[in-house]
Amino acid sequence: MVASVLQQSGLTQAELARRAGLPRSVLNAYLRGHREPGADVLMRIAAAGGAKLAVEERKPPVDARRASKILTQVIGLAEALPYRPRAEMAYPPLKARLSKGAPA
């Protein structure tokens, strides 16, 4: 976010920092990812660069109705696959091995 404000504003780091009321070293730390600005500082940086920071409702990245239809199809396909029971395991279940005190 900070890098895009700097790029879109066309200002230097020093000028953007001065307009936002920050030391240039702090702005540089934000740009390099060594620090994260709080919401208030982010708003000041955006305003200093001529941008407006807005809070919007976030939409889910997945369409829930479409995902539920696909999931229903996948489950239906899985149920249609033939079932072959597996033979019994040659080893005792882990629970039985642990109750006897055998090393796991």
PDB file of N, CA and C in Angstrom:
ATOM      1  N   MET A   1       0.829  -1.191   0.000  1.00  0.00           N
ATOM      2  CA  MET A   1       0.000   0.000   0.000  1.00  0.00           C
ATOM      3  C   MET A   1       0.869   1.250   0.000  1.00  0.00           C
ATOM      4  N   VAL A   2       1.856   1.302   0.873  1.00  0.00           N
ATOM      5  CA  VAL A   2       2.711   2.488   0.968  1.00  0.00           C
ATOM      6  C   VAL A   2       3.493   2.676  -0.325  1.00  0.00           C
ATOM      7  N   ALA A   3       3.991   1.585  -0.890  1.00  0.00           N
ATOM      8  CA  ALA A   3       4.758   1.673  -2.136  1.00  0.00           C
ATOM      9  C   ALA A   3       3.891   2.176  -3.278  1.00  0.00           C
ATOM     10  N   SER A   4       2.640   1.739  -3.342  1.00  0.00           N
ATOM     11  CA  SER A   4       1.766   2.201  -4.423  1.00  0.00           C
ATOM     12  C   SER A   4       1.424   3.673  -4.260  1.00  0.00           C
ATOM     13  N   VAL A   5       1.266   4.149  -3.039  1.00  0.00           N
ATOM     14  CA  VAL A   5       1.021   5.583  -2.814  1.00  0.00           C
ATOM     15  C   VAL A   5       2.233   6.385  -3.263  1.00  0.00           C
ATOM     16  N   LEU A   6       3.417   5.911  -2.908  1.00  0.00           N
ATOM     17  CA  LEU A   6       4.647   6.605  -3.303  1.00  0.00           C
ATOM     18  C   LEU A   6       4.775   6.646  -4.820  1.00  0.00           C
ATOM     19  N   GLN A   7       4.527   5.530  -5.470  1.00  0.00           N
ATOM     20  CA  GLN A   7       4.662   5.463  -6.919  1.00  0.00           C
ATOM     21  C   GLN A   7       3.629   6.339  -7.618  1.00  0.00           C
ATOM     22  N   GLN A   8       2.382   6.282  -7.186  1.00  0.00           N
ATOM     23  CA  GLN A   8       1.321   7.049  -7.833  1.00  0.00           C
ATOM     24  C   GLN A   8       1.453   8.546  -7.586  1.00  0.00           C
ATOM     25  N   SER A   9       2.032   8.912  -6.450  1.00  0.00           N
ATOM     26  CA  SER A   9       2.159  10.336  -6.136  1.00  0.00           C
ATOM     27  C   SER A   9       3.277  11.000  -6.935  1.00  0.00           C
ATOM     28  N   GLY A  10       4.289  10.226  -7.312  1.00  0.00           N
ATOM     29  CA  GLY A  10       5.426  10.798  -8.034  1.00  0.00           C
ATOM     30  C   GLY A  10       6.364  11.580  -7.140  1.00  0.00           C
ATOM     31  N   LEU A  11       6.173  11.485  -5.835  1.00  0.00           N
ATOM     32  CA  LEU A  11       7.022  12.194  -4.876  1.00  0.00           C
ATOM     33  C   LEU A  11       8.225  11.337  -4.512  1.00  0.00           C
ATOM     34  N   THR A  12       9.215  11.974  -3.953  1.00  0.00           N
ATOM     35  CA  THR A  12      10.344  11.234  -3.413  1.00  0.00           C
ATOM     36  C   THR A  12       9.959  10.725  -2.027  1.00  0.00           C
ATOM     37  N   GLN A  13      10.730   9.773  -1.523  1.00  0.00           N
ATOM     38  CA  GLN A  13      10.476   9.282  -0.170  1.00  0.00           C
ATOM     39  C   GLN A  13      10.547  10.415   0.838  1.00  0.00           C
ATOM     40  N   ALA A  14      11.558  11.264   0.676  1.00  0.00           N
ATOM     41  CA  ALA A  14      11.746  12.367   1.628  1.00  0.00           C
ATOM     42  C   ALA A  14      10.556  13.319   1.615  1.00  0.00           C
ATOM     43  N   GLU A  15      10.040  13.624   0.419  1.00  0.00           N
ATOM     44  CA  GLU A  15       8.926  14.563   0.322  1.00  0.00           C
ATOM     45  C   GLU A  15       7.638  13.947   0.862  1.00  0.00           C
ATOM     46  N   LEU A  16       7.393  12.686   0.535  1.00  0.00           N
ATOM     47  CA  LEU A  16       6.193  12.022   1.052  1.00  0.00           C
ATOM     48  C   LEU A  16       6.251  11.924   2.571  1.00  0.00           C
ATOM     49  N   ALA A  17       7.407  11.581   3.092  1.00  0.00           N
ATOM     50  CA  ALA A  17       7.568  11.489   4.548  1.00  0.00           C
ATOM     51  C   ALA A  17       7.343  12.854   5.200  1.00  0.00           C
ATOM     52  N   ARG A  18       7.896  13.907   4.594  1.00  0.00           N
ATOM     53  CA  ARG A  18       7.725  15.252   5.157  1.00  0.00           C
ATOM     54  C   ARG A  18       6.256  15.639   5.179  1.00  0.00           C
ATOM     55  N   ARG A  19       5.547  15.387   4.077  1.00  0.00           N
ATOM     56  CA  ARG A  19       4.131  15.745   4.005  1.00  0.00           C
ATOM     57  C   ARG A  19       3.285  14.929   4.976  1.00  0.00           C
ATOM     58  N   ALA A  20       3.695  13.691   5.242  1.00  0.00           N
ATOM     59  CA  ALA A  20       2.950  12.839   6.169  1.00  0.00           C
ATOM     60  C   ALA A  20       3.355  13.078   7.621  1.00  0.00           C
ATOM     61  N   GLY A  21       4.415  13.870   7.826  1.00  0.00           N
ATOM     62  CA  GLY A  21       4.873  14.150   9.184  1.00  0.00           C
ATOM     63  C   GLY A  21       5.638  12.999   9.804  1.00  0.00           C
ATOM     64  N   LEU A  22       6.370  12.266   8.965  1.00  0.00           N
ATOM     65  CA  LEU A  22       7.148  11.118   9.431  1.00  0.00           C
ATOM     66  C   LEU A  22       8.614  11.315   9.108  1.00  0.00           C
ATOM     67  N   PRO A  23       9.504  10.714   9.873  1.00  0.00           N
ATOM     68  CA  PRO A  23      10.905  10.678   9.465  1.00  0.00           C
ATOM     69  C   PRO A  23      11.042   9.808   8.207  1.00  0.00           C
ATOM     70  N   ARG A  24      11.942  10.177   7.317  1.00  0.00           N
ATOM     71  CA  ARG A  24      12.141   9.416   6.087  1.00  0.00           C
ATOM     72  C   ARG A  24      12.544   7.984   6.389  1.00  0.00           C
ATOM     73  N   SER A  25      13.315   7.779   7.456  1.00  0.00           N
ATOM     74  CA  SER A  25      13.758   6.430   7.811  1.00  0.00           C
ATOM     75  C   SER A  25      12.573   5.528   8.174  1.00  0.00           C
ATOM     76  N   VAL A  26      11.561   6.103   8.796  1.00  0.00           N
ATOM     77  CA  VAL A  26      10.375   5.319   9.151  1.00  0.00           C
ATOM     78  C   VAL A  26       9.598   4.937   7.888  1.00  0.00           C
ATOM     79  N   LEU A  27       9.437   5.887   6.977  1.00  0.00           N
ATOM     80  CA  LEU A  27       8.767   5.598   5.715  1.00  0.00           C
ATOM     81  C   LEU A  27       9.532   4.511   4.948  1.00  0.00           C
ATOM     82  N   ASN A  28      10.848   4.610   4.958  1.00  0.00           N
ATOM     83  CA  ASN A  28      11.673   3.611   4.289  1.00  0.00           C
ATOM     84  C   ASN A  28      11.482   2.233   4.928  1.00  0.00           C
ATOM     85  N   ALA A  29      11.357   2.189   6.234  1.00  0.00           N
ATOM     86  CA  ALA A  29      11.128   0.911   6.926  1.00  0.00           C
ATOM     87  C   ALA A  29       9.781   0.319   6.524  1.00  0.00           C
ATOM     88  N   TYR A  30       8.765   1.164   6.324  1.00  0.00           N
ATOM     89  CA  TYR A  30       7.467   0.687   5.847  1.00  0.00           C
ATOM     90  C   TYR A  30       7.603   0.124   4.430  1.00  0.00           C
ATOM     91  N   LEU A  31       8.333   0.824   3.586  1.00  0.00           N
ATOM     92  CA  LEU A  31       8.497   0.398   2.197  1.00  0.00           C
ATOM     93  C   LEU A  31       9.253  -0.921   2.094  1.00  0.00           C
ATOM     94  N   ARG A  32      10.225  -1.136   2.960  1.00  0.00           N
ATOM     95  CA  ARG A  32      11.021  -2.366   2.927  1.00  0.00           C
ATOM     96  C   ARG A  32      10.341  -3.525   3.655  1.00  0.00           C
ATOM     97  N   GLY A  33       9.233  -3.243   4.355  1.00  0.00           N
ATOM     98  CA  GLY A  33       8.519  -4.291   5.073  1.00  0.00           C
ATOM     99  C   GLY A  33       9.100  -4.602   6.433  1.00  0.00           C
ATOM    100  N   HIS A  34       9.987  -3.743   6.939  1.00  0.00           N
ATOM    101  CA  HIS A  34      10.580  -3.971   8.261  1.00  0.00           C
ATOM    102  C   HIS A  34       9.641  -3.544   9.374  1.00  0.00           C
ATOM    103  N   ARG A  35       8.694  -2.674   9.038  1.00  0.00           N
ATOM    104  CA  ARG A  35       7.684  -2.210   9.993  1.00  0.00           C
ATOM    105  C   ARG A  35       6.350  -2.149   9.270  1.00  0.00           C
ATOM    106  N   GLU A  36       5.273  -2.168  10.040  1.00  0.00           N
ATOM    107  CA  GLU A  36       3.934  -2.031   9.469  1.00  0.00           C
ATOM    108  C   GLU A  36       3.282  -0.787  10.060  1.00  0.00           C
ATOM    109  N   PRO A  37       2.755   0.072   9.190  1.00  0.00           N
ATOM    110  CA  PRO A  37       2.099   1.271   9.711  1.00  0.00           C
ATOM    111  C   PRO A  37       0.727   0.933  10.273  1.00  0.00           C
ATOM    112  N   GLY A  38       0.339   1.691  11.291  1.00  0.00           N
ATOM    113  CA  GLY A  38      -1.009   1.562  11.827  1.00  0.00           C
ATOM    114  C   GLY A  38      -1.987   2.245  10.882  1.00  0.00           C
ATOM    115  N   ALA A  39      -3.266   2.120  11.165  1.00  0.00           N
ATOM    116  CA  ALA A  39      -4.295   2.699  10.298  1.00  0.00           C
ATOM    117  C   ALA A  39      -4.174   4.215  10.229  1.00  0.00           C
ATOM    118  N   ASP A  40      -3.901   4.863  11.354  1.00  0.00           N
ATOM    119  CA  ASP A  40      -3.800   6.325  11.356  1.00  0.00           C
ATOM    120  C   ASP A  40      -2.617   6.801  10.516  1.00  0.00           C
ATOM    121  N   VAL A  41      -1.479   6.132  10.626  1.00  0.00           N
ATOM    122  CA  VAL A  41      -0.298   6.512   9.842  1.00  0.00           C
ATOM    123  C   VAL A  41      -0.535   6.220   8.370  1.00  0.00           C
ATOM    124  N   LEU A  42      -1.180   5.120   8.076  1.00  0.00           N
ATOM    125  CA  LEU A  42      -1.487   4.770   6.699  1.00  0.00           C
ATOM    126  C   LEU A  42      -2.388   5.824   6.065  1.00  0.00           C
ATOM    127  N   MET A  43      -3.341   6.323   6.829  1.00  0.00           N
ATOM    128  CA  MET A  43      -4.217   7.386   6.326  1.00  0.00           C
ATOM    129  C   MET A  43      -3.429   8.663   6.068  1.00  0.00           C
ATOM    130  N   ARG A  44      -2.486   8.980   6.955  1.00  0.00           N
ATOM    131  CA  ARG A  44      -1.663  10.179   6.764  1.00  0.00           C
ATOM    132  C   ARG A  44      -0.791  10.054   5.525  1.00  0.00           C
ATOM    133  N   ILE A  45      -0.208   8.871   5.302  1.00  0.00           N
ATOM    134  CA  ILE A  45       0.639   8.655   4.126  1.00  0.00           C
ATOM    135  C   ILE A  45      -0.199   8.767   2.851  1.00  0.00           C
ATOM    136  N   ALA A  46      -1.379   8.148   2.869  1.00  0.00           N
ATOM    137  CA  ALA A  46      -2.249   8.208   1.692  1.00  0.00           C
ATOM    138  C   ALA A  46      -2.656   9.641   1.393  1.00  0.00           C
ATOM    139  N   ALA A  47      -3.037  10.384   2.420  1.00  0.00           N
ATOM    140  CA  ALA A  47      -3.438  11.782   2.219  1.00  0.00           C
ATOM    141  C   ALA A  47      -2.263  12.622   1.724  1.00  0.00           C
ATOM    142  N   ALA A  48      -1.078  12.368   2.246  1.00  0.00           N
ATOM    143  CA  ALA A  48       0.104  13.115   1.822  1.00  0.00           C
ATOM    144  C   ALA A  48       0.443  12.836   0.360  1.00  0.00           C
ATOM    145  N   GLY A  49       0.096  11.647  -0.121  1.00  0.00           N
ATOM    146  CA  GLY A  49       0.357  11.291  -1.513  1.00  0.00           C
ATOM    147  C   GLY A  49      -0.794  11.620  -2.438  1.00  0.00           C
ATOM    148  N   GLY A  50      -1.832  12.243  -1.900  1.00  0.00           N
ATOM    149  CA  GLY A  50      -2.968  12.629  -2.730  1.00  0.00           C
ATOM    150  C   GLY A  50      -3.965  11.501  -2.955  1.00  0.00           C
ATOM    151  N   ALA A  51      -3.905  10.468  -2.147  1.00  0.00           N
ATOM    152  CA  ALA A  51      -4.830   9.344  -2.264  1.00  0.00           C
ATOM    153  C   ALA A  51      -5.807   9.370  -1.101  1.00  0.00           C
ATOM    154  N   LYS A  52      -6.877   8.612  -1.239  1.00  0.00           N
ATOM    155  CA  LYS A  52      -7.871   8.522  -0.182  1.00  0.00           C
ATOM    156  C   LYS A  52      -7.989   7.069   0.247  1.00  0.00           C
ATOM    157  N   LEU A  53      -7.916   6.849   1.528  1.00  0.00           N
ATOM    158  CA  LEU A  53      -8.024   5.507   2.078  1.00  0.00           C
ATOM    159  C   LEU A  53      -9.478   5.292   2.459  1.00  0.00           C
ATOM    160  N   ALA A  54     -10.092   4.231   1.937  1.00  0.00           N
ATOM    161  CA  ALA A  54     -11.500   3.959   2.205  1.00  0.00           C
ATOM    162  C   ALA A  54     -11.664   2.569   2.794  1.00  0.00           C
ATOM    163  N   VAL A  55     -12.666   2.432   3.629  1.00  0.00           N
ATOM    164  CA  VAL A  55     -13.002   1.141   4.204  1.00  0.00           C
ATOM    165  C   VAL A  55     -14.254   0.652   3.488  1.00  0.00           C
ATOM    166  N   GLU A  56     -14.148  -0.534   2.892  1.00  0.00           N
ATOM    167  CA  GLU A  56     -15.254  -1.098   2.146  1.00  0.00           C
ATOM    168  C   GLU A  56     -15.571  -2.483   2.673  1.00  0.00           C
ATOM    169  N   GLU A  57     -16.792  -2.921   2.408  1.00  0.00           N
ATOM    170  CA  GLU A  57     -17.186  -4.270   2.795  1.00  0.00           C
ATOM    171  C   GLU A  57     -16.414  -5.258   1.937  1.00  0.00           C
ATOM    172  N   ARG A  58     -15.856  -6.242   2.579  1.00  0.00           N
ATOM    173  CA  ARG A  58     -15.060  -7.229   1.861  1.00  0.00           C
ATOM    174  C   ARG A  58     -15.955  -8.353   1.384  1.00  0.00           C
ATOM    175  N   LYS A  59     -15.830  -8.672   0.110  1.00  0.00           N
ATOM    176  CA  LYS A  59     -16.612  -9.760  -0.464  1.00  0.00           C
ATOM    177  C   LYS A  59     -15.812 -11.045  -0.357  1.00  0.00           C
ATOM    178  N   PRO A  60     -16.491 -12.164  -0.094  1.00  0.00           N
ATOM    179  CA  PRO A  60     -15.760 -13.420  -0.002  1.00  0.00           C
ATOM    180  C   PRO A  60     -15.131 -13.760  -1.347  1.00  0.00           C
ATOM    181  N   PRO A  61     -13.943 -14.358  -1.339  1.00  0.00           N
ATOM    182  CA  PRO A  61     -13.262 -14.662  -2.590  1.00  0.00           C
ATOM    183  C   PRO A  61     -13.914 -15.790  -3.381  1.00  0.00           C
ATOM    184  N   VAL A  62     -14.826 -16.539  -2.746  1.00  0.00           N
ATOM    185  CA  VAL A  62     -15.458 -17.679  -3.395  1.00  0.00           C
ATOM    186  C   VAL A  62     -16.971 -17.467  -3.392  1.00  0.00           C
ATOM    187  N   ASP A  63     -17.606 -17.780  -4.512  1.00  0.00           N
ATOM    188  CA  ASP A  63     -19.061 -17.732  -4.589  1.00  0.00           C
ATOM    189  C   ASP A  63     -19.592 -18.969  -3.863  1.00  0.00           C
ATOM    190  N   ALA A  64     -20.263 -18.770  -2.754  1.00  0.00           N
ATOM    191  CA  ALA A  64     -20.692 -19.880  -1.911  1.00  0.00           C
ATOM    192  C   ALA A  64     -21.674 -20.808  -2.626  1.00  0.00           C
ATOM    193  N   ARG A  65     -22.581 -20.264  -3.423  1.00  0.00           N
ATOM    194  CA  ARG A  65     -23.559 -21.113  -4.118  1.00  0.00           C
ATOM    195  C   ARG A  65     -22.868 -22.008  -5.147  1.00  0.00           C
ATOM    196  N   ARG A  66     -21.946 -21.427  -5.911  1.00  0.00           N
ATOM    197  CA  ARG A  66     -21.233 -22.208  -6.922  1.00  0.00           C
ATOM    198  C   ARG A  66     -20.384 -23.286  -6.244  1.00  0.00           C
ATOM    199  N   ALA A  67     -19.708 -22.917  -5.145  1.00  0.00           N
ATOM    200  CA  ALA A  67     -18.868 -23.879  -4.424  1.00  0.00           C
ATOM    201  C   ALA A  67     -19.709 -25.020  -3.865  1.00  0.00           C
ATOM    202  N   SER A  68     -20.912 -24.725  -3.366  1.00  0.00           N
ATOM    203  CA  SER A  68     -21.752 -25.794  -2.811  1.00  0.00           C
ATOM    204  C   SER A  68     -22.235 -26.738  -3.912  1.00  0.00           C
ATOM    205  N   LYS A  69     -22.525 -26.209  -5.103  1.00  0.00           N
ATOM    206  CA  LYS A  69     -22.926 -27.072  -6.222  1.00  0.00           C
ATOM    207  C   LYS A  69     -21.780 -28.004  -6.629  1.00  0.00           C
ATOM    208  N   ILE A  70     -20.583 -27.450  -6.716  1.00  0.00           N
ATOM    209  CA  ILE A  70     -19.418 -28.260  -7.078  1.00  0.00           C
ATOM    210  C   ILE A  70     -19.156 -29.326  -6.031  1.00  0.00           C
ATOM    211  N   LEU A  71     -19.259 -28.965  -4.760  1.00  0.00           N
ATOM    212  CA  LEU A  71     -19.040 -29.932  -3.681  1.00  0.00           C
ATOM    213  C   LEU A  71     -20.067 -31.055  -3.743  1.00  0.00           C
ATOM    214  N   THR A  72     -21.320 -30.708  -4.021  1.00  0.00           N
ATOM    215  CA  THR A  72     -22.361 -31.720  -4.147  1.00  0.00           C
ATOM    216  C   THR A  72     -22.048 -32.675  -5.290  1.00  0.00           C
ATOM    217  N   GLN A  73     -21.558 -32.141  -6.402  1.00  0.00           N
ATOM    218  CA  GLN A  73     -21.191 -32.985  -7.542  1.00  0.00           C
ATOM    219  C   GLN A  73     -20.024 -33.905  -7.198  1.00  0.00           C
ATOM    220  N   VAL A  74     -19.037 -33.386  -6.496  1.00  0.00           N
ATOM    221  CA  VAL A  74     -17.871 -34.192  -6.122  1.00  0.00           C
ATOM    222  C   VAL A  74     -18.277 -35.315  -5.169  1.00  0.00           C
ATOM    223  N   ILE A  75     -19.132 -35.000  -4.203  1.00  0.00           N
ATOM    224  CA  ILE A  75     -19.586 -36.036  -3.258  1.00  0.00           C
ATOM    225  C   ILE A  75     -20.410 -37.087  -3.988  1.00  0.00           C
ATOM    226  N   GLY A  76     -21.255 -36.653  -4.926  1.00  0.00           N
ATOM    227  CA  GLY A  76     -22.034 -37.604  -5.715  1.00  0.00           C
ATOM    228  C   GLY A  76     -21.138 -38.516  -6.528  1.00  0.00           C
ATOM    229  N   LEU A  77     -20.087 -37.953  -7.115  1.00  0.00           N
ATOM    230  CA  LEU A  77     -19.137 -38.754  -7.876  1.00  0.00           C
ATOM    231  C   LEU A  77     -18.414 -39.743  -6.970  1.00  0.00           C
ATOM    232  N   ALA A  78     -18.003 -39.308  -5.788  1.00  0.00           N
ATOM    233  CA  ALA A  78     -17.308 -40.192  -4.853  1.00  0.00           C
ATOM    234  C   ALA A  78     -18.216 -41.343  -4.420  1.00  0.00           C
ATOM    235  N   GLU A  79     -19.498 -41.062  -4.233  1.00  0.00           N
ATOM    236  CA  GLU A  79     -20.425 -42.118  -3.828  1.00  0.00           C
ATOM    237  C   GLU A  79     -20.672 -43.105  -4.967  1.00  0.00           C
ATOM    238  N   ALA A  80     -20.513 -42.659  -6.205  1.00  0.00           N
ATOM    239  CA  ALA A  80     -20.737 -43.537  -7.359  1.00  0.00           C
ATOM    240  C   ALA A  80     -19.550 -44.458  -7.634  1.00  0.00           C
ATOM    241  N   LEU A  81     -18.409 -44.187  -7.060  1.00  0.00           N
ATOM    242  CA  LEU A  81     -17.232 -45.031  -7.277  1.00  0.00           C
ATOM    243  C   LEU A  81     -17.439 -46.390  -6.625  1.00  0.00           C
ATOM    244  N   PRO A  82     -16.905 -47.452  -7.230  1.00  0.00           N
ATOM    245  CA  PRO A  82     -17.072 -48.779  -6.622  1.00  0.00           C
ATOM    246  C   PRO A  82     -16.321 -48.871  -5.297  1.00  0.00           C
ATOM    247  N   TYR A  83     -16.900 -49.658  -4.394  1.00  0.00           N
ATOM    248  CA  TYR A  83     -16.308 -49.828  -3.070  1.00  0.00           C
ATOM    249  C   TYR A  83     -15.747 -51.227  -2.964  1.00  0.00           C
ATOM    250  N   ARG A  84     -14.461 -51.310  -2.613  1.00  0.00           N
ATOM    251  CA  ARG A  84     -13.822 -52.601  -2.354  1.00  0.00           C
ATOM    252  C   ARG A  84     -13.303 -52.582  -0.938  1.00  0.00           C
ATOM    253  N   PRO A  85     -13.839 -53.442  -0.095  1.00  0.00           N
ATOM    254  CA  PRO A  85     -13.313 -53.471   1.270  1.00  0.00           C
ATOM    255  C   PRO A  85     -11.871 -53.958   1.271  1.00  0.00           C
ATOM    256  N   ARG A  86     -11.061 -53.371   2.089  1.00  0.00           N
ATOM    257  CA  ARG A  86      -9.655 -53.760   2.218  1.00  0.00           C
ATOM    258  C   ARG A  86      -9.526 -54.947   3.161  1.00  0.00           C
ATOM    259  N   ALA A  87      -8.506 -55.716   2.934  1.00  0.00           N
ATOM    260  CA  ALA A  87      -8.226 -56.840   3.829  1.00  0.00           C
ATOM    261  C   ALA A  87      -7.805 -56.296   5.192  1.00  0.00           C
ATOM    262  N   GLU A  88      -7.943 -57.133   6.182  1.00  0.00           N
ATOM    263  CA  GLU A  88      -7.550 -56.732   7.529  1.00  0.00           C
ATOM    264  C   GLU A  88      -6.055 -56.453   7.570  1.00  0.00           C
ATOM    265  N   MET A  89      -5.670 -55.512   8.403  1.00  0.00           N
ATOM    266  CA  MET A  89      -4.255 -55.186   8.547  1.00  0.00           C
ATOM    267  C   MET A  89      -3.549 -56.294   9.314  1.00  0.00           C
ATOM    268  N   ALA A  90      -2.308 -56.558   8.948  1.00  0.00           N
ATOM    269  CA  ALA A  90      -1.527 -57.592   9.615  1.00  0.00           C
ATOM    270  C   ALA A  90      -1.042 -57.120  10.987  1.00  0.00           C
ATOM    271  N   TYR A  91      -1.013 -55.810  11.202  1.00  0.00           N
ATOM    272  CA  TYR A  91      -0.514 -55.267  12.462  1.00  0.00           C
ATOM    273  C   TYR A  91      -1.684 -54.931  13.371  1.00  0.00           C
ATOM    274  N   PRO A  92      -1.459 -55.036  14.680  1.00  0.00           N
ATOM    275  CA  PRO A  92      -2.545 -54.645  15.592  1.00  0.00           C
ATOM    276  C   PRO A  92      -2.748 -53.125  15.536  1.00  0.00           C
ATOM    277  N   PRO A  93      -3.944 -52.675  15.830  1.00  0.00           N
ATOM    278  CA  PRO A  93      -4.184 -51.230  15.843  1.00  0.00           C
ATOM    279  C   PRO A  93      -3.253 -50.522  16.838  1.00  0.00           C
ATOM    280  N   LEU A  94      -2.986 -49.280  16.581  1.00  0.00           N
ATOM    281  CA  LEU A  94      -2.083 -48.497  17.418  1.00  0.00           C
ATOM    282  C   LEU A  94      -2.542 -48.487  18.869  1.00  0.00           C
ATOM    283  N   LYS A  95      -3.852 -48.416  19.072  1.00  0.00           N
ATOM    284  CA  LYS A  95      -4.391 -48.371  20.437  1.00  0.00           C
ATOM    285  C   LYS A  95      -3.992 -49.628  21.213  1.00  0.00           C
ATOM    286  N   ALA A  96      -4.068 -50.769  20.543  1.00  0.00           N
ATOM    287  CA  ALA A  96      -3.712 -52.031  21.191  1.00  0.00           C
ATOM    288  C   ALA A  96      -2.207 -52.094  21.464  1.00  0.00           C
ATOM    289  N   ARG A  97      -1.414 -51.602  20.542  1.00  0.00           N
ATOM    290  CA  ARG A  97       0.038 -51.610  20.732  1.00  0.00           C
ATOM    291  C   ARG A  97       0.432 -50.720  21.891  1.00  0.00           C
ATOM    292  N   LEU A  98      -0.206 -49.581  22.041  1.00  0.00           N
ATOM    293  CA  LEU A  98       0.137 -48.653  23.112  1.00  0.00           C
ATOM    294  C   LEU A  98      -0.302 -49.195  24.480  1.00  0.00           C
ATOM    295  N   SER A  99      -1.429 -49.898  24.509  1.00  0.00           N
ATOM    296  CA  SER A  99      -1.891 -50.432  25.802  1.00  0.00           C
ATOM    297  C   SER A  99      -0.993 -51.536  26.319  1.00  0.00           C
ATOM    298  N   LYS A 100      -0.276 -52.251  25.420  1.00  0.00           N
ATOM    299  CA  LYS A 100       0.647 -53.303  25.830  1.00  0.00           C
ATOM    300  C   LYS A 100       2.005 -52.756  26.262  1.00  0.00           C
ATOM    301  N   GLY A 101       2.230 -51.469  25.997  1.00  0.00           N
ATOM    302  CA  GLY A 101       3.490 -50.868  26.388  1.00  0.00           C
ATOM    303  C   GLY A 101       4.608 -51.090  25.390  1.00  0.00           C
ATOM    304  N   ALA A 102       4.262 -51.540  24.207  1.00  0.00           N
ATOM    305  CA  ALA A 102       5.279 -51.759  23.171  1.00  0.00           C
ATOM    306  C   ALA A 102       5.767 -50.419  22.657  1.00  0.00           C
ATOM    307  N   PRO A 103       7.049 -50.325  22.258  1.00  0.00           N
ATOM    308  CA  PRO A 103       7.528 -49.064  21.705  1.00  0.00           C
ATOM    309  C   PRO A 103       6.831 -48.752  20.395  1.00  0.00           C
ATOM    310  N   ALA A 104       6.483 -47.489  20.220  1.00  0.00           N
ATOM    311  CA  ALA A 104       5.726 -47.084  19.029  1.00  0.00           C
ATOM    312  C   ALA A 104       6.608 -46.850  17.850  1.00  0.00           C
TER     313      ALA A 104
END
